[in-house]
Amino acid sequence: MIRHLLLTGLPGVGKTTLIKQLADSLAAYHPDGFFTQEIRDDKGARKGFELITLDDRRQLLAHVNLPGPFRVGRYGVDLAGFEQLLETIDLRHSPSRMVILDEIGKMECLSQRFIQEVEALLDSSKMVIATVALKGGGFPAKVKNRPDCRVVTVSLNNRSNLAATLLPEIATILSSRKEGPHAASS
């Protein structure tokens, strides 16, 4: 039985935009989680990434000027800051029955705590809606191969109407759990 929704696609195709649209449309369910936002300089060049929780807390995830041993490409990853944010938002124990993660990616998967949190969330009664890289192995590939996850590829052709297509499916998944929009889960 499908219990989770994973959005994948090429970089820049609109996965984050789509997951934000879904979060807005599903506000009655009080989803918990976070989005990833690019940090750009005044000339538009990408310099890093910031995490923004659904209750608007912010945490630097990665930056080209960030030193340290944790790196993905040219970006230094603030692993300690990310793990502190995970502790603060405590998604596993949130009363929300829906968790939104943007994204299950290389930077986030440097954190064993994040991997453990995602596994626990996927095994819980909560619904997870997440973005995940189209290519690559490791933990993101493992998540995409779970039988309880539906993987939807976002493309230039479908991105404008995909939210409207997915919302009824999400409502069906949530209603199959026989709980109202405000119900809590463990």
C-alpha atoms as a PDB file:
ATOM      1  CA  MET A   1       0.000   0.000   0.000  1.00  0.00           C
ATOM      2  CA  ILE A   2       1.340   3.423  -0.959  1.00  0.00           C
ATOM      3  CA  ARG A   3       1.836   5.622   2.110  1.00  0.00           C
ATOM      4  CA  HIS A   4       4.411   8.204   0.982  1.00  0.00           C
ATOM      5  CA  LEU A   5       5.013  10.455  -2.016  1.00  0.00           C
ATOM      6  CA  LEU A   6       8.473  11.166  -3.439  1.00  0.00           C
ATOM      7  CA  LEU A   7       9.001  13.871  -6.052  1.00  0.00           C
ATOM      8  CA  THR A   8      12.021  13.473  -8.292  1.00  0.00           C
ATOM      9  CA  GLY A   9      13.323  15.108 -11.439  1.00  0.00           C
ATOM     10  CA  LEU A  10      16.221  16.981 -12.925  1.00  0.00           C
ATOM     11  CA  PRO A  11      17.759  19.866 -10.939  1.00  0.00           C
ATOM     12  CA  GLY A  12      15.853  23.107 -11.465  1.00  0.00           C
ATOM     13  CA  VAL A  13      12.718  21.449 -12.869  1.00  0.00           C
ATOM     14  CA  GLY A  14      10.477  22.722 -10.060  1.00  0.00           C
ATOM     15  CA  LYS A  15      10.421  20.060  -7.324  1.00  0.00           C
ATOM     16  CA  THR A  16      10.701  22.586  -4.489  1.00  0.00           C
ATOM     17  CA  THR A  17       8.067  24.848  -6.043  1.00  0.00           C
ATOM     18  CA  LEU A  18       5.709  21.877  -6.335  1.00  0.00           C
ATOM     19  CA  ILE A  19       6.269  20.684  -2.781  1.00  0.00           C
ATOM     20  CA  LYS A  20       5.617  24.234  -1.502  1.00  0.00           C
ATOM     21  CA  GLN A  21       2.339  24.299  -3.467  1.00  0.00           C
ATOM     22  CA  LEU A  22       1.362  20.982  -1.915  1.00  0.00           C
ATOM     23  CA  ALA A  23       2.241  22.220   1.588  1.00  0.00           C
ATOM     24  CA  ASP A  24       0.082  25.321   1.083  1.00  0.00           C
ATOM     25  CA  SER A  25      -2.827  23.255  -0.239  1.00  0.00           C
ATOM     26  CA  LEU A  26      -2.515  20.783   2.658  1.00  0.00           C
ATOM     27  CA  ALA A  27      -2.306  23.445   5.399  1.00  0.00           C
ATOM     28  CA  ALA A  28      -5.410  21.998   7.129  1.00  0.00           C
ATOM     29  CA  TYR A  29      -3.284  18.953   8.004  1.00  0.00           C
ATOM     30  CA  HIS A  30      -0.673  21.165   9.713  1.00  0.00           C
ATOM     31  CA  PRO A  31       2.307  19.534   7.988  1.00  0.00           C
ATOM     32  CA  ASP A  32       5.711  19.733   9.625  1.00  0.00           C
ATOM     33  CA  GLY A  33       9.106  19.732   7.924  1.00  0.00           C
ATOM     34  CA  PHE A  34      11.387  21.965   5.886  1.00  0.00           C
ATOM     35  CA  PHE A  35      12.250  23.373   2.472  1.00  0.00           C
ATOM     36  CA  THR A  36      15.636  24.067   0.954  1.00  0.00           C
ATOM     37  CA  GLN A  37      16.188  27.513  -0.529  1.00  0.00           C
ATOM     38  CA  GLU A  38      19.111  28.628  -2.654  1.00  0.00           C
ATOM     39  CA  ILE A  39      21.326  31.464  -1.430  1.00  0.00           C
ATOM     40  CA  ARG A  40      22.412  33.687  -4.300  1.00  0.00           C
ATOM     41  CA  ASP A  41      24.761  36.652  -4.453  1.00  0.00           C
ATOM     42  CA  ASP A  42      23.786  40.051  -5.885  1.00  0.00           C
ATOM     43  CA  LYS A  43      24.752  38.856  -9.381  1.00  0.00           C
ATOM     44  CA  GLY A  44      22.526  35.769  -9.148  1.00  0.00           C
ATOM     45  CA  ALA A  45      25.285  33.182  -8.665  1.00  0.00           C
ATOM     46  CA  ARG A  46      24.344  30.343  -6.307  1.00  0.00           C
ATOM     47  CA  LYS A  47      26.454  30.448  -3.154  1.00  0.00           C
ATOM     48  CA  GLY A  48      24.699  27.992  -0.879  1.00  0.00           C
ATOM     49  CA  PHE A  49      21.531  26.569   0.590  1.00  0.00           C
ATOM     50  CA  GLU A  50      19.385  27.480   3.569  1.00  0.00           C
ATOM     51  CA  LEU A  51      16.784  25.318   5.291  1.00  0.00           C
ATOM     52  CA  ILE A  52      13.471  26.940   6.155  1.00  0.00           C
ATOM     53  CA  THR A  53      11.076  25.064   8.430  1.00  0.00           C
ATOM     54  CA  LEU A  54       7.343  25.220   7.816  1.00  0.00           C
ATOM     55  CA  ASP A  55       7.096  27.408  10.920  1.00  0.00           C
ATOM     56  CA  ASP A  56       9.713  29.740   9.352  1.00  0.00           C
ATOM     57  CA  ARG A  57      12.866  28.923  11.307  1.00  0.00           C
ATOM     58  CA  ARG A  58      16.040  29.199   9.232  1.00  0.00           C
ATOM     59  CA  GLN A  59      19.330  27.322   9.257  1.00  0.00           C
ATOM     60  CA  LEU A  60      22.283  27.473   6.905  1.00  0.00           C
ATOM     61  CA  LEU A  61      22.800  24.059   5.287  1.00  0.00           C
ATOM     62  CA  ALA A  62      25.718  24.690   2.962  1.00  0.00           C
ATOM     63  CA  HIS A  63      27.802  27.514   1.515  1.00  0.00           C
ATOM     64  CA  VAL A  64      30.785  27.871  -0.788  1.00  0.00           C
ATOM     65  CA  ASN A  65      32.635  29.837   1.924  1.00  0.00           C
ATOM     66  CA  LEU A  66      31.913  27.340   4.704  1.00  0.00           C
ATOM     67  CA  PRO A  67      35.096  25.505   5.747  1.00  0.00           C
ATOM     68  CA  GLY A  68      35.218  22.040   7.213  1.00  0.00           C
ATOM     69  CA  PRO A  69      35.399  18.377   6.403  1.00  0.00           C
ATOM     70  CA  PHE A  70      31.786  17.935   5.244  1.00  0.00           C
ATOM     71  CA  ARG A  71      31.577  18.851   1.569  1.00  0.00           C
ATOM     72  CA  VAL A  72      29.354  18.194  -1.407  1.00  0.00           C
ATOM     73  CA  GLY A  73      30.928  19.581  -4.549  1.00  0.00           C
ATOM     74  CA  ARG A  74      32.082  23.116  -3.865  1.00  0.00           C
ATOM     75  CA  TYR A  75      29.818  23.509  -0.836  1.00  0.00           C
ATOM     76  CA  GLY A  76      30.821  23.123   2.789  1.00  0.00           C
ATOM     77  CA  VAL A  77      27.946  21.572   4.757  1.00  0.00           C
ATOM     78  CA  ASP A  78      27.065  22.789   8.270  1.00  0.00           C
ATOM     79  CA  LEU A  79      26.339  19.318   9.612  1.00  0.00           C
ATOM     80  CA  ALA A  80      26.219  20.410  13.263  1.00  0.00           C
ATOM     81  CA  GLY A  81      23.737  23.190  12.480  1.00  0.00           C
ATOM     82  CA  PHE A  82      21.565  20.839  10.442  1.00  0.00           C
ATOM     83  CA  GLU A  83      21.482  18.248  13.212  1.00  0.00           C
ATOM     84  CA  GLN A  84      20.634  20.940  15.763  1.00  0.00           C
ATOM     85  CA  LEU A  85      17.700  21.984  13.565  1.00  0.00           C
ATOM     86  CA  LEU A  86      16.552  18.353  13.338  1.00  0.00           C
ATOM     87  CA  GLU A  87      16.621  18.134  17.131  1.00  0.00           C
ATOM     88  CA  THR A  88      14.666  21.376  17.445  1.00  0.00           C
ATOM     89  CA  ILE A  89      11.878  20.435  15.031  1.00  0.00           C
ATOM     90  CA  ASP A  90      11.780  16.760  16.185  1.00  0.00           C
ATOM     91  CA  LEU A  91       9.724  15.529  13.228  1.00  0.00           C
ATOM     92  CA  ARG A  92       9.383  12.010  14.597  1.00  0.00           C
ATOM     93  CA  HIS A  93       7.486  13.255  17.660  1.00  0.00           C
ATOM     94  CA  SER A  94       5.574  16.074  15.976  1.00  0.00           C
ATOM     95  CA  PRO A  95       1.788  15.880  16.393  1.00  0.00           C
ATOM     96  CA  SER A  96       1.424  16.354  12.631  1.00  0.00           C
ATOM     97  CA  ARG A  97       0.472  13.326  10.578  1.00  0.00           C
ATOM     98  CA  MET A  98       2.265  14.713   7.531  1.00  0.00           C
ATOM     99  CA  VAL A  99       5.957  15.529   7.121  1.00  0.00           C
ATOM    100  CA  ILE A 100       7.387  17.471   4.180  1.00  0.00           C
ATOM    101  CA  LEU A 101      11.088  17.096   3.399  1.00  0.00           C
ATOM    102  CA  ASP A 102      12.883  19.092   0.741  1.00  0.00           C
ATOM    103  CA  GLU A 103      15.041  17.159   0.265  1.00  0.00           C
ATOM    104  CA  ILE A 104      16.436  13.690   0.829  1.00  0.00           C
ATOM    105  CA  GLY A 105      19.713  14.566  -0.879  1.00  0.00           C
ATOM    106  CA  LYS A 106      23.482  14.260  -0.684  1.00  0.00           C
ATOM    107  CA  MET A 107      23.975  17.153   1.742  1.00  0.00           C
ATOM    108  CA  GLU A 108      21.243  16.043   4.126  1.00  0.00           C
ATOM    109  CA  CYS A 109      22.379  12.411   3.979  1.00  0.00           C
ATOM    110  CA  LEU A 110      25.772  13.345   5.395  1.00  0.00           C
ATOM    111  CA  SER A 111      23.840  13.279   8.679  1.00  0.00           C
ATOM    112  CA  GLN A 112      23.261   9.838  10.164  1.00  0.00           C
ATOM    113  CA  ARG A 113      20.655  11.463  12.404  1.00  0.00           C
ATOM    114  CA  PHE A 114      18.736  12.613   9.308  1.00  0.00           C
ATOM    115  CA  ILE A 115      18.878   9.139   7.767  1.00  0.00           C
ATOM    116  CA  GLN A 116      17.591   7.605  11.016  1.00  0.00           C
ATOM    117  CA  GLU A 117      14.835  10.238  11.247  1.00  0.00           C
ATOM    118  CA  VAL A 118      13.689   9.598   7.672  1.00  0.00           C
ATOM    119  CA  GLU A 119      13.677   5.815   8.198  1.00  0.00           C
ATOM    120  CA  ALA A 120      11.649   6.232  11.396  1.00  0.00           C
ATOM    121  CA  LEU A 121       9.206   8.602   9.679  1.00  0.00           C
ATOM    122  CA  LEU A 122       8.725   6.229   6.741  1.00  0.00           C
ATOM    123  CA  ASP A 123       8.057   3.375   9.170  1.00  0.00           C
ATOM    124  CA  SER A 124       5.623   5.457  11.251  1.00  0.00           C
ATOM    125  CA  SER A 125       1.957   6.210  10.627  1.00  0.00           C
ATOM    126  CA  LYS A 126       2.877   9.654   9.265  1.00  0.00           C
ATOM    127  CA  MET A 127       2.728  10.440   5.561  1.00  0.00           C
ATOM    128  CA  VAL A 128       6.023  11.699   4.119  1.00  0.00           C
ATOM    129  CA  ILE A 129       6.048  13.936   1.067  1.00  0.00           C
ATOM    130  CA  ALA A 130       9.631  14.538  -0.015  1.00  0.00           C
ATOM    131  CA  THR A 131      11.833  15.544  -2.892  1.00  0.00           C
ATOM    132  CA  VAL A 132      14.664  13.226  -3.839  1.00  0.00           C
ATOM    133  CA  ALA A 133      17.377  13.316  -6.496  1.00  0.00           C
ATOM    134  CA  LEU A 134      16.605  11.656  -9.822  1.00  0.00           C
ATOM    135  CA  LYS A 135      20.000   9.971 -10.068  1.00  0.00           C
ATOM    136  CA  GLY A 136      22.466   8.476  -7.639  1.00  0.00           C
ATOM    137  CA  GLY A 137      22.609   5.671  -5.147  1.00  0.00           C
ATOM    138  CA  GLY A 138      22.907   5.379  -1.412  1.00  0.00           C
ATOM    139  CA  PHE A 139      20.105   6.260   0.954  1.00  0.00           C
ATOM    140  CA  PRO A 140      18.015   8.302  -1.542  1.00  0.00           C
ATOM    141  CA  ALA A 141      17.927   5.292  -3.901  1.00  0.00           C
ATOM    142  CA  LYS A 142      16.984   3.011  -0.999  1.00  0.00           C
ATOM    143  CA  VAL A 143      14.057   5.287  -0.131  1.00  0.00           C
ATOM    144  CA  LYS A 144      12.880   5.417  -3.762  1.00  0.00           C
ATOM    145  CA  ASN A 145      12.859   1.611  -3.867  1.00  0.00           C
ATOM    146  CA  ARG A 146      10.557   1.198  -0.860  1.00  0.00           C
ATOM    147  CA  PRO A 147       7.275  -0.481  -1.831  1.00  0.00           C
ATOM    148  CA  ASP A 148       5.272   2.013   0.277  1.00  0.00           C
ATOM    149  CA  CYS A 149       6.637   5.027  -1.635  1.00  0.00           C
ATOM    150  CA  ARG A 150       5.191   6.364  -4.873  1.00  0.00           C
ATOM    151  CA  VAL A 151       7.855   8.103  -6.958  1.00  0.00           C
ATOM    152  CA  VAL A 152       6.585  10.858  -9.253  1.00  0.00           C
ATOM    153  CA  THR A 153       8.906  12.439 -11.810  1.00  0.00           C
ATOM    154  CA  VAL A 154       8.460  16.195 -12.145  1.00  0.00           C
ATOM    155  CA  SER A 155       9.111  17.459 -15.674  1.00  0.00           C
ATOM    156  CA  LEU A 156       8.713  20.679 -17.635  1.00  0.00           C
ATOM    157  CA  ASN A 157       5.626  19.130 -19.242  1.00  0.00           C
ATOM    158  CA  ASN A 158       3.767  18.131 -16.059  1.00  0.00           C
ATOM    159  CA  ARG A 159       4.953  20.525 -13.346  1.00  0.00           C
ATOM    160  CA  SER A 160       2.226  23.149 -13.812  1.00  0.00           C
ATOM    161  CA  ASN A 161      -0.676  20.739 -13.202  1.00  0.00           C
ATOM    162  CA  LEU A 162       0.980  18.127 -10.995  1.00  0.00           C
ATOM    163  CA  ALA A 163      -0.203  19.609  -7.681  1.00  0.00           C
ATOM    164  CA  ALA A 164      -3.840  19.380  -8.788  1.00  0.00           C
ATOM    165  CA  THR A 165      -3.253  15.799  -9.933  1.00  0.00           C
ATOM    166  CA  LEU A 166      -1.548  14.717  -6.693  1.00  0.00           C
ATOM    167  CA  LEU A 167      -3.832  16.369  -4.119  1.00  0.00           C
ATOM    168  CA  PRO A 168      -6.708  13.859  -4.508  1.00  0.00           C
ATOM    169  CA  GLU A 169      -4.221  10.983  -4.238  1.00  0.00           C
ATOM    170  CA  ILE A 170      -2.747  12.488  -1.060  1.00  0.00           C
ATOM    171  CA  ALA A 171      -6.235  12.947   0.403  1.00  0.00           C
ATOM    172  CA  THR A 172      -7.019   9.298  -0.351  1.00  0.00           C
ATOM    173  CA  ILE A 173      -3.839   8.125   1.359  1.00  0.00           C
ATOM    174  CA  LEU A 174      -4.603  10.252   4.418  1.00  0.00           C
ATOM    175  CA  SER A 175      -8.258   9.204   4.585  1.00  0.00           C
ATOM    176  CA  SER A 176      -7.290   5.531   4.413  1.00  0.00           C
ATOM    177  CA  ARG A 177      -5.767   6.046   7.853  1.00  0.00           C
ATOM    178  CA  LYS A 178      -9.220   6.934   9.255  1.00  0.00           C
ATOM    179  CA  GLU A 179      -8.037  10.106  10.935  1.00  0.00           C
ATOM    180  CA  GLY A 180      -9.151  13.704  10.446  1.00  0.00           C
ATOM    181  CA  PRO A 181      -6.886  16.542   9.329  1.00  0.00           C
ATOM    182  CA  HIS A 182      -5.988  17.463  12.905  1.00  0.00           C
ATOM    183  CA  ALA A 183      -5.331  13.970  14.231  1.00  0.00           C
ATOM    184  CA  ALA A 184      -1.977  13.276  15.797  1.00  0.00           C
ATOM    185  CA  SER A 185       0.144  10.209  15.277  1.00  0.00           C
ATOM    186  CA  SER A 186       3.157   8.739  16.953  1.00  0.00           C
END
